[in-house]
C-alpha atoms as a PDB file:
ATOM      1  CA  MET A   1      -8.772 -50.233  12.238  1.00  0.00           C
ATOM      2  CA  ASN A   2     -10.874 -48.465   9.554  1.00  0.00           C
ATOM      3  CA  LYS A   3     -11.888 -45.754  12.039  1.00  0.00           C
ATOM      4  CA  PHE A   4      -8.237 -45.192  12.886  1.00  0.00           C
ATOM      5  CA  LEU A   5      -7.249 -44.859   9.194  1.00  0.00           C
ATOM      6  CA  ILE A   6     -10.136 -42.515   8.468  1.00  0.00           C
ATOM      7  CA  SER A   7      -9.265 -40.365  11.511  1.00  0.00           C
ATOM      8  CA  LEU A   8      -5.613 -40.289  10.480  1.00  0.00           C
ATOM      9  CA  LEU A   9      -6.499 -39.248   6.923  1.00  0.00           C
ATOM     10  CA  VAL A  10      -8.822 -36.495   8.173  1.00  0.00           C
ATOM     11  CA  VAL A  11      -6.089 -35.113  10.430  1.00  0.00           C
ATOM     12  CA  LEU A  12      -3.487 -35.239   7.650  1.00  0.00           C
ATOM     13  CA  PHE A  13      -5.739 -33.549   5.084  1.00  0.00           C
ATOM     14  CA  SER A  14      -6.751 -30.887   7.609  1.00  0.00           C
ATOM     15  CA  ALA A  15      -3.114 -30.112   8.364  1.00  0.00           C
ATOM     16  CA  CYS A  16      -2.359 -29.760   4.650  1.00  0.00           C
ATOM     17  CA  ALA A  17      -5.305 -27.433   4.135  1.00  0.00           C
ATOM     18  CA  VAL A  18      -4.192 -25.173   6.995  1.00  0.00           C
ATOM     19  CA  THR A  19      -0.631 -25.039   5.660  1.00  0.00           C
ATOM     20  CA  LYS A  20      -1.785 -24.097   2.164  1.00  0.00           C
ATOM     21  CA  SER A  21      -4.077 -21.288   3.315  1.00  0.00           C
ATOM     22  CA  THR A  22      -1.667 -19.697   5.804  1.00  0.00           C
ATOM     23  CA  LYS A  23      -0.564 -16.354   4.351  1.00  0.00           C
ATOM     24  CA  THR A  24       0.650 -12.997   5.601  1.00  0.00           C
ATOM     25  CA  MET A  25      -2.388 -10.744   5.890  1.00  0.00           C
ATOM     26  CA  HIS A  26      -2.589  -6.977   6.070  1.00  0.00           C
ATOM     27  CA  PRO A  27      -5.387  -4.659   7.193  1.00  0.00           C
ATOM     28  CA  TYR A  28      -5.229  -2.259   4.210  1.00  0.00           C
ATOM     29  CA  SER A  29      -8.571  -2.641   2.468  1.00  0.00           C
ATOM     30  CA  GLY A  30      -9.942   0.847   3.111  1.00  0.00           C
ATOM     31  CA  ASP A  31      -9.957   3.964   0.933  1.00  0.00           C
ATOM     32  CA  ASN A  32      -7.166   5.256  -1.311  1.00  0.00           C
ATOM     33  CA  ILE A  33      -6.201   8.897  -0.806  1.00  0.00           C
ATOM     34  CA  GLY A  34      -3.723  10.738  -3.011  1.00  0.00           C
ATOM     35  CA  CYS A  35      -2.345  14.269  -3.225  1.00  0.00           C
ATOM     36  CA  GLY A  36       0.799  16.301  -3.672  1.00  0.00           C
ATOM     37  CA  ASP A  37       3.145  15.635  -6.525  1.00  0.00           C
ATOM     38  CA  PHE A  38       2.969  11.980  -5.524  1.00  0.00           C
ATOM     39  CA  ILE A  39       1.736  10.763  -2.141  1.00  0.00           C
ATOM     40  CA  ILE A  40      -0.673   7.843  -1.860  1.00  0.00           C
ATOM     41  CA  TYR A  41      -2.264   6.527   1.315  1.00  0.00           C
ATOM     42  CA  LYS A  42      -4.034   3.183   1.564  1.00  0.00           C
ATOM     43  CA  LEU A  43      -6.139   3.104   4.720  1.00  0.00           C
ATOM     44  CA  ALA A  44      -7.081   0.206   6.947  1.00  0.00           C
ATOM     45  CA  ASN A  45     -10.843  -0.337   7.290  1.00  0.00           C
ATOM     46  CA  ASN A  46     -10.826   1.197  10.784  1.00  0.00           C
ATOM     47  CA  ASN A  47      -9.126   4.403   9.459  1.00  0.00           C
ATOM     48  CA  LYS A  48      -6.542   4.187  12.270  1.00  0.00           C
ATOM     49  CA  GLU A  49      -3.716   2.896  10.101  1.00  0.00           C
ATOM     50  CA  TYR A  50      -2.281   3.390   6.644  1.00  0.00           C
ATOM     51  CA  VAL A  51       0.526   2.453   4.322  1.00  0.00           C
ATOM     52  CA  SER A  52       1.878   5.364   2.276  1.00  0.00           C
ATOM     53  CA  VAL A  53       3.871   5.481  -0.942  1.00  0.00           C
ATOM     54  CA  ILE A  54       5.879   8.590  -1.775  1.00  0.00           C
ATOM     55  CA  ILE A  55       7.652   8.819  -5.125  1.00  0.00           C
ATOM     56  CA  ASP A  56       9.984  11.658  -6.093  1.00  0.00           C
ATOM     57  CA  MET A  57       8.404  12.408  -9.470  1.00  0.00           C
ATOM     58  CA  SER A  58      11.063  15.013 -10.317  1.00  0.00           C
ATOM     59  CA  ALA A  59      13.685  12.237 -10.361  1.00  0.00           C
ATOM     60  CA  ILE A  60      11.924   9.919 -12.841  1.00  0.00           C
ATOM     61  CA  GLU A  61      10.487   9.905 -16.339  1.00  0.00           C
ATOM     62  CA  VAL A  62       6.857   8.806 -16.206  1.00  0.00           C
ATOM     63  CA  GLU A  63       6.212   5.798 -18.427  1.00  0.00           C
ATOM     64  CA  ASN A  64       3.400   3.231 -18.668  1.00  0.00           C
ATOM     65  CA  LEU A  65       4.873   0.746 -16.180  1.00  0.00           C
ATOM     66  CA  GLN A  66       7.820   1.220 -13.882  1.00  0.00           C
ATOM     67  CA  ALA A  67       9.114  -0.902 -11.005  1.00  0.00           C
ATOM     68  CA  TYR A  68      11.245   0.276  -8.098  1.00  0.00           C
ATOM     69  CA  ALA A  69      13.085  -1.883  -5.560  1.00  0.00           C
ATOM     70  CA  ILE A  70      12.498  -0.596  -2.037  1.00  0.00           C
ATOM     71  CA  GLY A  71      15.771   0.158  -0.300  1.00  0.00           C
ATOM     72  CA  LYS A  72      17.631   0.310  -3.616  1.00  0.00           C
ATOM     73  CA  ALA A  73      15.761   3.076  -5.447  1.00  0.00           C
ATOM     74  CA  ASP A  74      16.117   6.460  -3.753  1.00  0.00           C
ATOM     75  CA  VAL A  75      12.984   7.741  -5.459  1.00  0.00           C
ATOM     76  CA  VAL A  76      10.471   5.681  -3.457  1.00  0.00           C
ATOM     77  CA  ILE A  77       9.621   5.459   0.259  1.00  0.00           C
ATOM     78  CA  VAL A  78       6.945   3.144   1.651  1.00  0.00           C
ATOM     79  CA  THR A  79       5.843   3.752   5.242  1.00  0.00           C
ATOM     80  CA  ARG A  80       3.367   2.098   7.589  1.00  0.00           C
ATOM     81  CA  ARG A  81       1.761   4.118  10.386  1.00  0.00           C
ATOM     82  CA  LYS A  82      -0.784   3.398  13.148  1.00  0.00           C
ATOM     83  CA  PHE A  83      -2.698   5.929  15.249  1.00  0.00           C
ATOM     84  CA  ASP A  84      -4.899   5.881  18.347  1.00  0.00           C
ATOM     85  CA  GLY A  85      -7.865   7.312  16.414  1.00  0.00           C
ATOM     86  CA  PRO A  86      -9.146   7.851  12.879  1.00  0.00           C
ATOM     87  CA  ILE A  87      -6.552   9.506  10.618  1.00  0.00           C
ATOM     88  CA  ASN A  88      -8.412   9.768   7.285  1.00  0.00           C
ATOM     89  CA  SER A  89      -9.589  13.373   7.772  1.00  0.00           C
ATOM     90  CA  SER A  90      -5.994  14.518   8.395  1.00  0.00           C
ATOM     91  CA  LEU A  91      -4.663  13.243   5.053  1.00  0.00           C
ATOM     92  CA  CYS A  92      -4.586  15.456   1.923  1.00  0.00           C
ATOM     93  CA  ASN A  93      -6.842  17.998   3.552  1.00  0.00           C
ATOM     94  CA  ASP A  94      -6.342  21.749   3.751  1.00  0.00           C
ATOM     95  CA  VAL A  95      -8.474  21.953   6.905  1.00  0.00           C
ATOM     96  CA  MET A  96      -6.641  19.904   9.495  1.00  0.00           C
ATOM     97  CA  SER A  97      -8.558  18.305  12.330  1.00  0.00           C
ATOM     98  CA  ASP A  98      -6.891  17.242  15.555  1.00  0.00           C
ATOM     99  CA  LYS A  99      -4.429  14.583  14.488  1.00  0.00           C
ATOM    100  CA  PRO A 100      -4.558  11.418  16.594  1.00  0.00           C
ATOM    101  CA  GLU A 101      -1.455  10.245  18.431  1.00  0.00           C
ATOM    102  CA  GLU A 102       0.940   8.172  16.326  1.00  0.00           C
ATOM    103  CA  LEU A 103       1.540   4.726  17.824  1.00  0.00           C
ATOM    104  CA  LEU A 104       3.775   3.144  15.173  1.00  0.00           C
ATOM    105  CA  GLU A 105       5.933   4.146  12.238  1.00  0.00           C
ATOM    106  CA  GLU A 106       7.836   1.618  10.125  1.00  0.00           C
ATOM    107  CA  ILE A 107       9.670   2.202   6.865  1.00  0.00           C
ATOM    108  CA  ALA A 108       9.726  -0.690   4.398  1.00  0.00           C
ATOM    109  CA  THR A 109      13.126  -2.320   3.946  1.00  0.00           C
ATOM    110  CA  ASP A 110      12.492  -4.573   0.961  1.00  0.00           C
ATOM    111  CA  GLY A 111       9.991  -5.270  -1.791  1.00  0.00           C
ATOM    112  CA  VAL A 112       8.861  -3.793  -5.089  1.00  0.00           C
ATOM    113  CA  VAL A 113       6.659  -0.803  -5.952  1.00  0.00           C
ATOM    114  CA  GLU A 114       5.107  -0.844  -9.425  1.00  0.00           C
ATOM    115  CA  LEU A 115       3.798   2.424 -10.861  1.00  0.00           C
ATOM    116  CA  LEU A 116       1.297   2.296 -13.736  1.00  0.00           C
ATOM    117  CA  VAL A 117       0.352   5.482 -15.593  1.00  0.00           C
ATOM    118  CA  ASN A 118      -1.543   5.200 -18.889  1.00  0.00           C
ATOM    119  CA  GLU A 119      -0.794   7.548 -21.802  1.00  0.00           C
ATOM    120  CA  ALA A 120      -3.821   9.797 -21.238  1.00  0.00           C
ATOM    121  CA  GLN A 121      -2.808  10.324 -17.602  1.00  0.00           C
ATOM    122  CA  GLN A 122       0.813  10.975 -18.638  1.00  0.00           C
ATOM    123  CA  GLU A 123      -0.472  13.813 -20.841  1.00  0.00           C
ATOM    124  CA  GLU A 124      -2.439  15.272 -17.919  1.00  0.00           C
ATOM    125  CA  LYS A 125       0.741  15.242 -15.806  1.00  0.00           C
ATOM    126  CA  LYS A 126       2.709  16.996 -18.590  1.00  0.00           C
ATOM    127  CA  LYS A 127       0.039  19.738 -18.657  1.00  0.00           C
ATOM    128  CA  GLY A 128       0.399  20.214 -14.899  1.00  0.00           C
ATOM    129  CA  ASN A 129      -3.064  18.805 -14.191  1.00  0.00           C
ATOM    130  CA  PRO A 130      -4.012  16.211 -11.584  1.00  0.00           C
ATOM    131  CA  TYR A 131      -3.696  12.689 -12.947  1.00  0.00           C
ATOM    132  CA  LYS A 132      -4.525   9.120 -11.905  1.00  0.00           C
ATOM    133  CA  VAL A 133      -2.045   6.367 -11.122  1.00  0.00           C
ATOM    134  CA  THR A 134      -2.167   2.757 -10.068  1.00  0.00           C
ATOM    135  CA  VAL A 135       0.410   1.510  -7.585  1.00  0.00           C
ATOM    136  CA  VAL A 136       1.069  -2.134  -6.740  1.00  0.00           C
ATOM    137  CA  LEU A 137       3.099  -3.246  -3.729  1.00  0.00           C
ATOM    138  CA  LYS A 138       4.708  -6.685  -3.950  1.00  0.00           C
ATOM    139  CA  LYS A 139       6.393  -8.498  -1.080  1.00  0.00           C
ATOM    140  CA  VAL A 140       6.909  -5.284   0.865  1.00  0.00           C
ATOM    141  CA  VAL A 141       8.701  -5.989   4.144  1.00  0.00           C
ATOM    142  CA  PHE A 142       8.295  -3.960   7.330  1.00  0.00           C
ATOM    143  CA  GLU A 143       9.699  -4.920  10.715  1.00  0.00           C
ATOM    144  CA  GLY A 144       6.284  -6.061  11.959  1.00  0.00           C
ATOM    145  CA  MET A 145       4.598  -7.329   8.782  1.00  0.00           C
ATOM    146  CA  THR A 146       4.982  -8.274   5.142  1.00  0.00           C
ATOM    147  CA  ILE A 147       2.499  -7.157   2.483  1.00  0.00           C
ATOM    148  CA  ASP A 148       2.524  -9.832  -0.204  1.00  0.00           C
ATOM    149  CA  TYR A 149       0.346  -7.882  -2.632  1.00  0.00           C
ATOM    150  CA  LEU A 150      -1.574  -4.619  -2.425  1.00  0.00           C
ATOM    151  CA  ARG A 151      -3.087  -2.737  -5.379  1.00  0.00           C
ATOM    152  CA  MET A 152      -4.150   0.922  -5.178  1.00  0.00           C
ATOM    153  CA  GLU A 153      -6.035   1.687  -8.371  1.00  0.00           C
ATOM    154  CA  ASN A 154      -6.799   5.007 -10.131  1.00  0.00           C
ATOM    155  CA  VAL A 155      -5.621   7.240  -7.294  1.00  0.00           C
ATOM    156  CA  ASN A 156      -5.745  10.987  -8.004  1.00  0.00           C
ATOM    157  CA  VAL A 157      -2.343  12.710  -7.502  1.00  0.00           C
ATOM    158  CA  GLY A 158      -0.620  15.824  -8.823  1.00  0.00           C
ATOM    159  CA  TRP A 159      -2.634  18.343  -6.811  1.00  0.00           C
ATOM    160  CA  LEU A 160      -2.136  20.211  -3.569  1.00  0.00           C
ATOM    161  CA  PRO A 161      -4.794  20.802  -0.911  1.00  0.00           C
ATOM    162  CA  GLY A 162      -5.910  24.390  -0.539  1.00  0.00           C
END
């Protein structure tokens, strides 16, 4: 009887542990790349996939912290793309290599994009210089995946290749 109880407890505790640790995962732990007035790419480790954030900076006032609801704020677009080969050399580069074939494109339908720009970086933007931003994605929903949390820190934007 004791063996049965111990086995039952082990099974129950194992099931609870699996339930607690199950979470939506995403592959975006590679490099951050930024350019243009405001385009940020967060690459997957294999460089064959990215999530991009585009914000229409002409439509907003830059402050320390701003949050935008995806699908409700016209100033932000979050896209997920996959390719059949490495894409990193084709992003924010004035010398374009052969771009790999695109296998997937999904536009986020829900979630929140937080934009953080400190005061020193706001001044750089006002001067027309490149500046650094931090972007946080929270509960961003695509057709094929949800990104619970993704932080892209100190990404250089406000410049054009070439």
